[in-house]
Amino acid sequence: MSAEQTPAPPDATSEQVLFEGSPALVPGVGMLLLCMVTLGLALPFLWLRAKSKHYKITTQRIVVEIGLFSKKLEQVDLYRITDYVVERPFGQRIMGTGNVVLEAIDSTSPKLRLDALRTDVVALYEKLRVATETTKHRRGVRVVDYGEGGLPVG
């Protein structure tokens, strides 16, 4: 008799992709109007702009690759993130896109903007927040806010 082995479920340390993709070609109503006014002549510029950036958000890190020919790679580990802002301007809500702005304790990328994401940015924020707290807990990282005068808040 041969017993079939089922794959083990992913443990807490395995990296899982939460979102991967490029910014939306036409992120908001303003860009849509620009395309219509220019009879589509703005589309090649918008395509180059969208394809020059690639986002990969996992349960352990955020990787942003910038550039078409020469590439620059920015990475922020989730345990370094201290604050999140979800932006959903009216024109982007109509088009189903949104932005996430992250603040991190990182010398090279203290503020990271993820613009024109083609996904439910509120749901992505919730997944990202849970993954950040899980990663901080697993690494034993604690963040202390200091108010005026250098005293801890809370």
Protein backbone atom coordinates (compact mmCIF):
# COMPACT_ATOMS: atom_id res chain seq x y z
CA MET A 1 0.00 0.00 0.00
CA SER A 2 1.28 3.42 -0.84
CA ALA A 3 0.15 6.29 1.27
CA GLU A 4 -0.22 9.61 -0.48
CA GLN A 5 1.44 12.45 1.34
CA THR A 6 -0.37 15.72 1.46
CA PRO A 7 1.70 18.88 1.36
CA ALA A 8 2.23 20.50 4.73
CA PRO A 9 0.27 23.68 5.34
CA PRO A 10 2.33 26.85 5.15
CA ASP A 11 3.69 27.78 8.55
CA ALA A 12 3.95 31.27 10.01
CA THR A 13 7.47 31.79 8.68
CA SER A 14 6.71 31.03 5.02
CA GLU A 15 6.35 34.03 2.74
CA GLN A 16 3.03 34.41 0.96
CA VAL A 17 2.21 36.97 -1.72
CA LEU A 18 -0.58 39.40 -0.76
CA PHE A 19 -0.43 41.52 -3.94
CA GLU A 20 1.74 41.61 -7.04
CA GLY A 21 1.42 43.86 -10.05
CA SER A 22 2.02 47.21 -11.70
CA PRO A 23 0.08 50.42 -11.15
CA ALA A 24 -3.12 50.81 -13.13
CA LEU A 25 -2.71 52.13 -16.68
CA VAL A 26 -5.55 54.61 -16.15
CA PRO A 27 -5.78 55.01 -12.35
CA GLY A 28 -8.48 57.65 -12.14
CA VAL A 29 -11.15 59.57 -13.96
CA GLY A 30 -8.73 62.48 -14.59
CA MET A 31 -6.39 60.25 -16.59
CA LEU A 32 -9.36 58.76 -18.41
CA LEU A 33 -10.46 62.25 -19.45
CA LEU A 34 -6.88 63.05 -20.51
CA CYS A 35 -6.88 59.98 -22.77
CA MET A 36 -10.17 60.98 -24.32
CA VAL A 37 -9.14 64.62 -24.87
CA THR A 38 -5.83 63.61 -26.49
CA LEU A 39 -7.61 60.92 -28.56
CA GLY A 40 -5.45 58.25 -26.96
CA LEU A 41 -2.12 59.98 -27.56
CA ALA A 42 -1.49 59.96 -23.79
CA LEU A 43 -1.75 56.16 -23.61
CA PRO A 44 1.88 55.36 -24.60
CA PHE A 45 3.12 57.72 -21.87
CA LEU A 46 0.73 56.19 -19.33
CA TRP A 47 1.74 52.67 -20.38
CA LEU A 48 5.45 53.45 -19.94
CA ARG A 49 4.76 55.03 -16.56
CA ALA A 50 2.72 52.04 -15.36
CA LYS A 51 5.17 49.40 -16.64
CA SER A 52 8.17 51.15 -15.11
CA LYS A 53 7.00 50.19 -11.62
CA HIS A 54 6.25 46.76 -10.17
CA TYR A 55 4.98 46.04 -6.66
CA LYS A 56 5.28 42.80 -4.71
CA ILE A 57 3.73 42.74 -1.26
CA THR A 58 4.25 39.61 0.80
CA THR A 59 3.68 38.59 4.40
CA GLN A 60 7.31 39.52 5.18
CA ARG A 61 8.33 42.43 2.93
CA ILE A 62 7.36 44.97 0.31
CA VAL A 63 9.46 45.11 -2.84
CA VAL A 64 9.15 47.95 -5.36
CA GLU A 65 11.04 47.61 -8.66
CA ILE A 66 11.38 50.88 -10.57
CA GLY A 67 12.59 51.39 -14.15
CA LEU A 68 12.21 49.93 -17.62
CA PHE A 69 15.81 49.46 -18.73
CA SER A 70 17.84 50.33 -15.65
CA LYS A 71 16.20 48.89 -12.56
CA LYS A 72 16.16 50.07 -8.96
CA LEU A 73 14.90 47.75 -6.24
CA GLU A 74 13.52 49.09 -2.96
CA GLN A 75 12.64 46.71 -0.14
CA VAL A 76 11.09 47.33 3.24
CA ASP A 77 10.63 44.52 5.75
CA LEU A 78 7.16 44.55 7.31
CA TYR A 79 8.44 44.65 10.87
CA ARG A 80 9.85 48.14 10.11
CA ILE A 81 6.45 49.63 9.17
CA THR A 82 5.09 52.06 11.76
CA ASP A 83 2.10 53.68 10.05
CA TYR A 84 -0.31 53.17 7.14
CA VAL A 85 -2.46 55.57 5.16
CA VAL A 86 -5.04 54.36 2.64
CA GLU A 87 -5.91 56.97 0.00
CA ARG A 88 -9.01 56.49 -2.14
CA PRO A 89 -9.66 59.71 -4.08
CA PHE A 90 -13.04 59.95 -5.76
CA GLY A 91 -11.64 59.52 -9.30
CA GLN A 92 -9.71 56.41 -8.27
CA ARG A 93 -12.66 54.90 -6.38
CA ILE A 94 -14.71 55.12 -9.59
CA MET A 95 -11.92 53.29 -11.48
CA GLY A 96 -11.41 50.69 -8.70
CA THR A 97 -7.90 51.75 -7.71
CA GLY A 98 -6.30 53.29 -4.64
CA ASN A 99 -3.04 54.20 -2.94
CA VAL A 100 -1.32 52.95 0.20
CA VAL A 101 1.29 55.14 1.91
CA LEU A 102 3.57 53.48 4.45
CA GLU A 103 5.88 55.01 7.01
CA ALA A 104 8.78 52.85 8.10
CA ILE A 105 11.80 52.91 10.34
CA ASP A 106 14.08 52.64 7.34
CA SER A 107 16.90 55.03 6.41
CA THR A 108 16.57 54.57 2.63
CA SER A 109 12.75 54.46 2.38
CA PRO A 110 11.16 56.20 5.40
CA LYS A 111 7.97 56.83 3.38
CA LEU A 112 6.87 54.37 0.70
CA ARG A 113 4.01 55.17 -1.70
CA LEU A 114 2.21 52.38 -3.49
CA ASP A 115 0.18 54.28 -6.09
CA ALA A 116 -2.74 53.25 -8.32
CA LEU A 117 -3.09 49.70 -6.97
CA ARG A 118 -5.66 47.69 -8.95
CA THR A 119 -7.16 45.95 -5.95
CA ASP A 120 -9.37 46.57 -2.95
CA VAL A 121 -6.85 48.71 -1.05
CA VAL A 122 -8.82 48.55 2.22
CA ALA A 123 -8.73 44.73 2.20
CA LEU A 124 -5.03 44.84 1.25
CA TYR A 125 -4.40 47.24 4.14
CA GLU A 126 -6.09 44.83 6.57
CA LYS A 127 -4.02 41.88 5.34
CA LEU A 128 -0.87 43.99 5.46
CA ARG A 129 -1.61 45.19 9.00
CA VAL A 130 -2.12 41.62 10.25
CA ALA A 131 1.05 40.43 8.49
CA THR A 132 3.02 43.35 9.97
CA GLU A 133 1.85 42.62 13.52
CA THR A 134 2.55 38.89 13.06
CA THR A 135 6.07 39.61 11.80
CA LYS A 136 6.75 42.06 14.64
CA HIS A 137 5.50 39.52 17.20
CA ARG A 138 7.57 36.71 15.70
CA ARG A 139 10.73 38.87 15.74
CA GLY A 140 10.01 40.34 19.17
CA VAL A 141 9.91 43.91 17.82
CA ARG A 142 8.14 46.58 19.89
CA VAL A 143 7.60 50.14 18.72
CA VAL A 144 7.47 52.92 21.32
CA ASP A 145 6.01 56.32 20.38
CA TYR A 146 7.73 59.30 21.95
CA GLY A 147 5.81 62.52 22.42
CA GLU A 148 7.04 66.01 23.11
CA GLY A 149 9.83 66.12 25.65
CA GLY A 150 11.05 62.63 24.75
CA LEU A 151 8.64 60.77 27.05
CA PRO A 152 6.88 57.59 25.88
CA VAL A 153 3.23 58.06 24.89
CA GLY A 154 0.53 55.79 26.23
